[in-house]
Amino acid sequence: MCSMNAQARIYVWWPKLDADIESNVRACAVCQKVRATPTKLPLFPWIYPKRPFQRIHIDFCEDKKEYFLILDDIY
């Protein structure tokens, strides 16, 4: 619905444009069937590292107002 609204606003406008598009999309059987289909992406396996610190993951974490830097060596 969001992309339809954005595309429609480029070319036309009338009062309650968003509501009209929303009601048409909700009434469309094809739109409802297709909307829940997730995009299928190919899997890309990780290459196993040959030595320490060749591949690392870093993230921040908060616990009770204390902040932590998490470093995970995948080796």
Protein backbone atom coordinates (compact mmCIF):
# COMPACT_ATOMS: atom_id res chain seq x y z
CA MET A 1 0.00 0.00 0.00
CA CYS A 2 2.81 2.41 0.83
CA SER A 3 4.48 2.06 -2.54
CA MET A 4 1.13 2.34 -4.32
CA ASN A 5 0.33 5.53 -2.40
CA ALA A 6 3.73 7.01 -3.21
CA GLN A 7 3.42 6.14 -6.90
CA ALA A 8 -0.12 7.53 -7.12
CA ARG A 9 0.89 10.83 -5.50
CA ILE A 10 3.39 11.43 -8.30
CA TYR A 11 0.66 11.49 -10.95
CA VAL A 12 -2.70 12.25 -9.27
CA TRP A 13 -4.28 13.53 -6.10
CA TRP A 14 -7.78 13.72 -4.66
CA PRO A 15 -9.17 13.91 -1.14
CA LYS A 16 -8.90 10.55 0.67
CA LEU A 17 -6.51 9.15 -1.96
CA ASP A 18 -4.70 7.02 0.63
CA ALA A 19 -7.98 5.66 2.05
CA ASP A 20 -9.26 4.75 -1.42
CA ILE A 21 -6.06 2.92 -2.32
CA GLU A 22 -6.08 1.12 1.02
CA SER A 23 -9.68 -0.05 0.59
CA ASN A 24 -9.00 -1.25 -2.97
CA VAL A 25 -5.90 -3.18 -1.90
CA ARG A 26 -7.74 -4.80 1.00
CA ALA A 27 -10.57 -5.85 -1.36
CA CYS A 28 -8.20 -7.25 -4.01
CA ALA A 29 -7.86 -11.04 -3.72
CA VAL A 30 -4.61 -11.13 -5.72
CA CYS A 31 -3.02 -8.41 -3.56
CA GLN A 32 -3.93 -10.29 -0.38
CA LYS A 33 -2.58 -13.57 -1.75
CA VAL A 34 0.74 -12.10 -2.87
CA ARG A 35 1.41 -9.71 0.03
CA ALA A 36 2.29 -12.42 2.55
CA THR A 37 4.81 -14.11 0.27
CA PRO A 38 8.33 -13.49 1.63
CA THR A 39 11.10 -12.71 -0.80
CA LYS A 40 13.25 -15.78 -1.41
CA LEU A 41 16.96 -15.04 -1.24
CA PRO A 42 19.81 -17.42 -1.97
CA LEU A 43 21.86 -18.63 0.98
CA PHE A 44 25.50 -17.62 1.15
CA PRO A 45 27.41 -19.85 3.58
CA TRP A 46 30.22 -18.30 5.57
CA ILE A 47 33.75 -19.28 4.75
CA TYR A 48 35.25 -20.90 7.83
CA PRO A 49 38.20 -18.82 9.08
CA LYS A 50 41.64 -20.40 9.00
CA ARG A 51 43.08 -18.44 11.93
CA PRO A 52 41.88 -16.47 14.99
CA PHE A 53 40.55 -12.95 14.46
CA GLN A 54 40.20 -13.47 10.73
CA ARG A 55 36.43 -13.05 11.10
CA ILE A 56 34.88 -11.29 14.08
CA HIS A 57 31.43 -10.01 15.00
CA ILE A 58 31.05 -6.87 17.11
CA ASP A 59 27.93 -5.55 18.82
CA PHE A 60 26.82 -3.35 21.71
CA CYS A 61 24.66 -4.60 24.55
CA GLU A 62 22.90 -2.81 27.41
CA ASP A 63 21.94 -4.39 30.71
CA LYS A 64 20.54 -2.27 33.56
CA LYS A 65 22.12 0.92 32.19
CA GLU A 66 25.53 -0.74 31.82
CA TYR A 67 26.91 -0.88 28.30
CA PHE A 68 29.02 -3.73 26.94
CA LEU A 69 31.00 -4.17 23.78
CA ILE A 70 30.62 -7.76 22.59
CA LEU A 71 33.39 -9.14 20.41
CA ASP A 72 32.93 -12.67 19.07
CA ASP A 73 35.75 -14.47 17.30
CA ILE A 74 34.21 -16.89 14.83
CA TYR A 75 37.33 -19.09 14.71
